[in-house]
Amino acid sequence: METHARSMRHLVEESEAAGVDAELPRLFQAMADRAVAAGHGSEGYPAMVHQFRAGPATGTGEGTDADAGARLVAKYISTWNERDPRRRRALAAEVFTAHAEYVDPSVQAVGLRAIDDHIARWQTQFTEATFQFGEVHGHHNSVYFDWSFGLSGESPIGRGWDTVELEHGRIRRVFGFFASRTAG
């Protein structure tokens, strides 16, 4: 898997350099990276089957494992805070389904590329700001949490909350709500 993960990274880089949609190679790269992280680095593609057999990271049936939901939200927030475009896209490929949707009062972004473009625009507007999140609540393959963003050590610039729909342990849809924006 380590060799395959490196190959997928190269394919993503070459696709992006050529202006070709790299969404699918990014998905396979994220899957290969997860297999390596799970200790299957010396194995081949069948090692990725373990990811499918393990079931959703957020639990099975109608419940949502609170710890798994909180870990996914932490990774989601890390995606917003990651300034390196390649690392941000790799995180997004792990967090979101291939056809995920992000909706807030200012945008409706469908697909990994559109979501990444929206995050990049936000980062351009708030160059030094980072997100933090509060307690995560979840049930029936959905989670809810509040968030804030601002400069480190200062009062938040903005606050809000997200409701997230999960699919197979990843984010399928985000509905973001803005509470208020305060002077920072």
C-alpha atoms as a PDB file:
ATOM      1  CA  MET A   1       0.000   0.000   0.000  1.00  0.00           C
ATOM      2  CA  GLU A   2       2.886   2.389   0.624  1.00  0.00           C
ATOM      3  CA  THR A   3       3.930   2.118  -3.028  1.00  0.00           C
ATOM      4  CA  HIS A   4       0.327   2.503  -4.199  1.00  0.00           C
ATOM      5  CA  ALA A   5      -0.181   5.536  -1.926  1.00  0.00           C
ATOM      6  CA  ARG A   6       2.919   7.208  -3.404  1.00  0.00           C
ATOM      7  CA  SER A   7       1.690   6.393  -6.915  1.00  0.00           C
ATOM      8  CA  MET A   8      -1.730   7.897  -6.178  1.00  0.00           C
ATOM      9  CA  ARG A   9      -0.101  11.048  -4.765  1.00  0.00           C
ATOM     10  CA  HIS A  10       1.886  11.346  -8.000  1.00  0.00           C
ATOM     11  CA  LEU A  11      -1.261  10.789 -10.090  1.00  0.00           C
ATOM     12  CA  VAL A  12      -3.086  13.514  -8.139  1.00  0.00           C
ATOM     13  CA  GLU A  13      -0.184  15.943  -8.604  1.00  0.00           C
ATOM     14  CA  GLU A  14       0.085  15.233 -12.330  1.00  0.00           C
ATOM     15  CA  SER A  15      -3.686  15.465 -12.819  1.00  0.00           C
ATOM     16  CA  GLU A  16      -3.820  18.825 -11.061  1.00  0.00           C
ATOM     17  CA  ALA A  17      -0.804  20.110 -13.009  1.00  0.00           C
ATOM     18  CA  ALA A  18      -2.519  19.100 -16.278  1.00  0.00           C
ATOM     19  CA  GLY A  19      -5.813  20.701 -15.217  1.00  0.00           C
ATOM     20  CA  VAL A  20      -7.579  17.334 -15.076  1.00  0.00           C
ATOM     21  CA  ASP A  21     -10.182  16.603 -12.399  1.00  0.00           C
ATOM     22  CA  ALA A  22      -8.288  14.749  -9.656  1.00  0.00           C
ATOM     23  CA  GLU A  23     -11.282  14.049  -7.390  1.00  0.00           C
ATOM     24  CA  LEU A  24     -11.298  10.275  -7.949  1.00  0.00           C
ATOM     25  CA  PRO A  25      -7.506   9.828  -7.635  1.00  0.00           C
ATOM     26  CA  ARG A  26      -7.658  11.874  -4.388  1.00  0.00           C
ATOM     27  CA  LEU A  27     -10.294   9.485  -3.064  1.00  0.00           C
ATOM     28  CA  PHE A  28      -8.100   6.464  -3.828  1.00  0.00           C
ATOM     29  CA  GLN A  29      -5.086   8.254  -2.371  1.00  0.00           C
ATOM     30  CA  ALA A  30      -6.979   8.903   0.874  1.00  0.00           C
ATOM     31  CA  MET A  31      -8.067   5.256   1.019  1.00  0.00           C
ATOM     32  CA  ALA A  32      -4.490   4.066   0.431  1.00  0.00           C
ATOM     33  CA  ASP A  33      -3.189   6.475   3.083  1.00  0.00           C
ATOM     34  CA  ARG A  34      -5.761   5.142   5.577  1.00  0.00           C
ATOM     35  CA  ALA A  35      -4.719   1.560   4.831  1.00  0.00           C
ATOM     36  CA  VAL A  36      -1.070   2.471   5.441  1.00  0.00           C
ATOM     37  CA  ALA A  37      -1.989   4.271   8.682  1.00  0.00           C
ATOM     38  CA  ALA A  38      -3.894   1.143   9.779  1.00  0.00           C
ATOM     39  CA  GLY A  39      -0.689  -0.914   9.448  1.00  0.00           C
ATOM     40  CA  HIS A  40      -1.209  -2.390   5.961  1.00  0.00           C
ATOM     41  CA  GLY A  41       1.704  -0.550   4.304  1.00  0.00           C
ATOM     42  CA  SER A  42       3.465  -3.700   3.107  1.00  0.00           C
ATOM     43  CA  GLU A  43       0.283  -5.214   1.636  1.00  0.00           C
ATOM     44  CA  GLY A  44      -1.437  -4.729  -1.727  1.00  0.00           C
ATOM     45  CA  TYR A  45      -4.822  -3.336  -2.747  1.00  0.00           C
ATOM     46  CA  PRO A  46      -6.796  -6.107  -0.959  1.00  0.00           C
ATOM     47  CA  ALA A  47      -5.764  -4.359   2.286  1.00  0.00           C
ATOM     48  CA  MET A  48      -8.274  -1.622   1.431  1.00  0.00           C
ATOM     49  CA  VAL A  49     -11.079  -4.184   1.734  1.00  0.00           C
ATOM     50  CA  HIS A  50     -10.623  -3.998   5.514  1.00  0.00           C
ATOM     51  CA  GLN A  51     -11.814  -0.392   5.422  1.00  0.00           C
ATOM     52  CA  PHE A  52     -15.115  -1.455   3.861  1.00  0.00           C
ATOM     53  CA  ARG A  53     -15.638  -4.454   6.127  1.00  0.00           C
ATOM     54  CA  ALA A  54     -14.982  -2.393   9.253  1.00  0.00           C
ATOM     55  CA  GLY A  55     -18.172  -0.433   8.651  1.00  0.00           C
ATOM     56  CA  PRO A  56     -18.737   3.251   9.180  1.00  0.00           C
ATOM     57  CA  ALA A  57     -16.389   5.090  11.481  1.00  0.00           C
ATOM     58  CA  THR A  58     -19.378   6.678  13.192  1.00  0.00           C
ATOM     59  CA  GLY A  59     -21.074   3.461  14.221  1.00  0.00           C
ATOM     60  CA  THR A  60     -23.550   1.134  12.614  1.00  0.00           C
ATOM     61  CA  GLY A  61     -27.294   0.910  12.530  1.00  0.00           C
ATOM     62  CA  GLU A  62     -29.141   4.017  13.624  1.00  0.00           C
ATOM     63  CA  GLY A  63     -26.675   5.209  16.245  1.00  0.00           C
ATOM     64  CA  THR A  64     -23.669   7.450  16.009  1.00  0.00           C
ATOM     65  CA  ASP A  65     -20.647   6.715  18.173  1.00  0.00           C
ATOM     66  CA  ALA A  66     -19.966  10.039  19.919  1.00  0.00           C
ATOM     67  CA  ASP A  67     -16.177   9.572  19.980  1.00  0.00           C
ATOM     68  CA  ALA A  68     -16.053   8.724  16.267  1.00  0.00           C
ATOM     69  CA  GLY A  69     -18.287  11.697  15.491  1.00  0.00           C
ATOM     70  CA  ALA A  70     -16.024  13.995  17.499  1.00  0.00           C
ATOM     71  CA  ARG A  71     -12.931  12.640  15.709  1.00  0.00           C
ATOM     72  CA  LEU A  72     -14.554  13.260  12.328  1.00  0.00           C
ATOM     73  CA  VAL A  73     -15.524  16.809  13.335  1.00  0.00           C
ATOM     74  CA  ALA A  74     -11.949  17.425  14.522  1.00  0.00           C
ATOM     75  CA  LYS A  75     -10.653  16.311  11.130  1.00  0.00           C
ATOM     76  CA  TYR A  76     -13.303  18.451   9.390  1.00  0.00           C
ATOM     77  CA  ILE A  77     -12.200  21.511  11.379  1.00  0.00           C
ATOM     78  CA  SER A  78      -8.561  20.655  10.569  1.00  0.00           C
ATOM     79  CA  THR A  79      -9.518  20.828   6.904  1.00  0.00           C
ATOM     80  CA  TRP A  80     -10.675  24.430   7.386  1.00  0.00           C
ATOM     81  CA  ASN A  81      -7.485  25.278   9.298  1.00  0.00           C
ATOM     82  CA  GLU A  82      -5.029  23.611   6.882  1.00  0.00           C
ATOM     83  CA  ARG A  83      -3.337  26.289   4.745  1.00  0.00           C
ATOM     84  CA  ASP A  84      -1.326  23.962   2.490  1.00  0.00           C
ATOM     85  CA  PRO A  85      -3.633  23.224  -0.485  1.00  0.00           C
ATOM     86  CA  ARG A  86      -2.387  19.659  -1.059  1.00  0.00           C
ATOM     87  CA  ARG A  87      -2.711  18.668   2.593  1.00  0.00           C
ATOM     88  CA  ARG A  88      -6.106  20.390   2.789  1.00  0.00           C
ATOM     89  CA  ARG A  89      -7.380  18.460  -0.246  1.00  0.00           C
ATOM     90  CA  ALA A  90      -6.049  15.183   1.180  1.00  0.00           C
ATOM     91  CA  LEU A  91      -7.851  15.867   4.470  1.00  0.00           C
ATOM     92  CA  ALA A  92     -11.041  16.766   2.599  1.00  0.00           C
ATOM     93  CA  ALA A  93     -10.874  13.491   0.666  1.00  0.00           C
ATOM     94  CA  GLU A  94     -10.766  11.644   3.997  1.00  0.00           C
ATOM     95  CA  VAL A  95     -13.541  13.690   5.596  1.00  0.00           C
ATOM     96  CA  PHE A  96     -16.094  14.119   2.799  1.00  0.00           C
ATOM     97  CA  THR A  97     -17.822  11.711   0.451  1.00  0.00           C
ATOM     98  CA  ALA A  98     -16.935  12.237  -3.222  1.00  0.00           C
ATOM     99  CA  HIS A  99     -20.160  14.156  -3.921  1.00  0.00           C
ATOM    100  CA  ALA A 100     -20.484  15.940  -0.589  1.00  0.00           C
ATOM    101  CA  GLU A 101     -22.409  19.164  -0.259  1.00  0.00           C
ATOM    102  CA  TYR A 102     -21.598  22.182   1.922  1.00  0.00           C
ATOM    103  CA  VAL A 103     -24.339  24.781   2.421  1.00  0.00           C
ATOM    104  CA  ASP A 104     -24.301  27.940   4.517  1.00  0.00           C
ATOM    105  CA  PRO A 105     -26.004  31.338   4.081  1.00  0.00           C
ATOM    106  CA  SER A 106     -23.272  32.464   1.666  1.00  0.00           C
ATOM    107  CA  VAL A 107     -22.679  29.405  -0.538  1.00  0.00           C
ATOM    108  CA  GLN A 108     -23.823  26.025  -1.804  1.00  0.00           C
ATOM    109  CA  ALA A 109     -20.775  23.968  -2.796  1.00  0.00           C
ATOM    110  CA  VAL A 110     -21.206  20.479  -4.265  1.00  0.00           C
ATOM    111  CA  GLY A 111     -18.250  18.122  -4.674  1.00  0.00           C
ATOM    112  CA  LEU A 112     -14.771  18.085  -3.169  1.00  0.00           C
ATOM    113  CA  ARG A 113     -13.376  20.665  -5.588  1.00  0.00           C
ATOM    114  CA  ALA A 114     -16.159  23.185  -4.918  1.00  0.00           C
ATOM    115  CA  ILE A 115     -15.869  22.696  -1.152  1.00  0.00           C
ATOM    116  CA  ASP A 116     -12.084  23.138  -1.312  1.00  0.00           C
ATOM    117  CA  ASP A 117     -12.509  26.284  -3.431  1.00  0.00           C
ATOM    118  CA  HIS A 118     -14.888  27.704  -0.810  1.00  0.00           C
ATOM    119  CA  ILE A 119     -12.470  26.917   2.033  1.00  0.00           C
ATOM    120  CA  ALA A 120      -9.590  28.509   0.073  1.00  0.00           C
ATOM    121  CA  ARG A 121     -11.672  31.686  -0.453  1.00  0.00           C
ATOM    122  CA  TRP A 122     -12.482  31.794   3.277  1.00  0.00           C
ATOM    123  CA  GLN A 123      -8.781  31.409   4.095  1.00  0.00           C
ATOM    124  CA  THR A 124      -7.950  34.305   1.738  1.00  0.00           C
ATOM    125  CA  GLN A 125     -10.493  36.489   3.528  1.00  0.00           C
ATOM    126  CA  PHE A 126      -9.401  35.451   7.055  1.00  0.00           C
ATOM    127  CA  THR A 127      -5.693  34.777   6.525  1.00  0.00           C
ATOM    128  CA  GLU A 128      -4.643  34.143  10.129  1.00  0.00           C
ATOM    129  CA  ALA A 129      -7.945  32.951  11.615  1.00  0.00           C
ATOM    130  CA  THR A 130      -8.529  29.389  12.751  1.00  0.00           C
ATOM    131  CA  PHE A 131     -11.616  27.438  13.746  1.00  0.00           C
ATOM    132  CA  GLN A 132     -12.341  25.765  17.062  1.00  0.00           C
ATOM    133  CA  PHE A 133     -15.348  23.620  17.851  1.00  0.00           C
ATOM    134  CA  GLY A 134     -17.346  22.812  20.945  1.00  0.00           C
ATOM    135  CA  GLU A 135     -19.142  19.708  22.129  1.00  0.00           C
ATOM    136  CA  VAL A 136     -20.279  17.299  19.417  1.00  0.00           C
ATOM    137  CA  HIS A 137     -23.728  15.705  19.649  1.00  0.00           C
ATOM    138  CA  GLY A 138     -24.845  12.906  17.384  1.00  0.00           C
ATOM    139  CA  HIS A 139     -27.526  10.371  16.540  1.00  0.00           C
ATOM    140  CA  HIS A 140     -28.916   8.615  13.460  1.00  0.00           C
ATOM    141  CA  ASN A 141     -25.859   9.264  11.291  1.00  0.00           C
ATOM    142  CA  SER A 142     -25.835  12.982  11.990  1.00  0.00           C
ATOM    143  CA  VAL A 143     -23.834  15.284  14.229  1.00  0.00           C
ATOM    144  CA  TYR A 144     -24.305  18.806  15.497  1.00  0.00           C
ATOM    145  CA  PHE A 145     -21.658  21.107  16.970  1.00  0.00           C
ATOM    146  CA  ASP A 146     -20.950  24.772  17.544  1.00  0.00           C
ATOM    147  CA  TRP A 147     -17.855  26.501  16.292  1.00  0.00           C
ATOM    148  CA  SER A 148     -16.031  29.789  16.413  1.00  0.00           C
ATOM    149  CA  PHE A 149     -13.176  31.297  14.471  1.00  0.00           C
ATOM    150  CA  GLY A 150     -10.694  34.026  15.136  1.00  0.00           C
ATOM    151  CA  LEU A 151      -7.109  34.908  15.793  1.00  0.00           C
ATOM    152  CA  SER A 152      -5.228  32.899  18.381  1.00  0.00           C
ATOM    153  CA  GLY A 153      -5.576  34.401  21.861  1.00  0.00           C
ATOM    154  CA  GLU A 154      -8.217  36.938  20.824  1.00  0.00           C
ATOM    155  CA  SER A 155     -12.014  37.061  20.980  1.00  0.00           C
ATOM    156  CA  PRO A 156     -13.754  35.141  18.190  1.00  0.00           C
ATOM    157  CA  ILE A 157     -14.505  36.979  14.957  1.00  0.00           C
ATOM    158  CA  GLY A 158     -17.501  34.750  14.248  1.00  0.00           C
ATOM    159  CA  ARG A 159     -19.556  31.939  15.714  1.00  0.00           C
ATOM    160  CA  GLY A 160     -22.067  29.447  14.442  1.00  0.00           C
ATOM    161  CA  TRP A 161     -23.063  25.824  14.344  1.00  0.00           C
ATOM    162  CA  ASP A 162     -23.106  23.039  11.791  1.00  0.00           C
ATOM    163  CA  THR A 163     -25.421  20.117  11.330  1.00  0.00           C
ATOM    164  CA  VAL A 164     -23.694  17.309   9.464  1.00  0.00           C
ATOM    165  CA  GLU A 165     -25.200  14.298   7.685  1.00  0.00           C
ATOM    166  CA  LEU A 166     -22.912  11.261   7.634  1.00  0.00           C
ATOM    167  CA  GLU A 167     -22.615   8.486   5.091  1.00  0.00           C
ATOM    168  CA  HIS A 168     -20.328   5.495   5.660  1.00  0.00           C
ATOM    169  CA  GLY A 169     -18.317   7.344   8.289  1.00  0.00           C
ATOM    170  CA  ARG A 170     -17.728  10.445   6.208  1.00  0.00           C
ATOM    171  CA  ILE A 171     -19.521  13.746   5.716  1.00  0.00           C
ATOM    172  CA  ARG A 172     -22.207  13.707   3.030  1.00  0.00           C
ATOM    173  CA  ARG A 173     -23.784  17.090   3.724  1.00  0.00           C
ATOM    174  CA  VAL A 174     -23.040  20.105   5.938  1.00  0.00           C
ATOM    175  CA  PHE A 175     -25.570  22.764   6.850  1.00  0.00           C
ATOM    176  CA  GLY A 176     -23.740  25.723   8.377  1.00  0.00           C
ATOM    177  CA  PHE A 177     -25.405  28.518  10.328  1.00  0.00           C
ATOM    178  CA  PHE A 178     -23.865  31.837  11.393  1.00  0.00           C
ATOM    179  CA  ALA A 179     -24.739  33.096  14.869  1.00  0.00           C
ATOM    180  CA  SER A 180     -23.092  36.504  14.930  1.00  0.00           C
ATOM    181  CA  ARG A 181     -19.962  38.295  13.975  1.00  0.00           C
ATOM    182  CA  THR A 182     -18.269  40.322  16.654  1.00  0.00           C
ATOM    183  CA  ALA A 183     -15.500  42.853  16.445  1.00  0.00           C
ATOM    184  CA  GLY A 184     -12.206  41.069  16.870  1.00  0.00           C
END
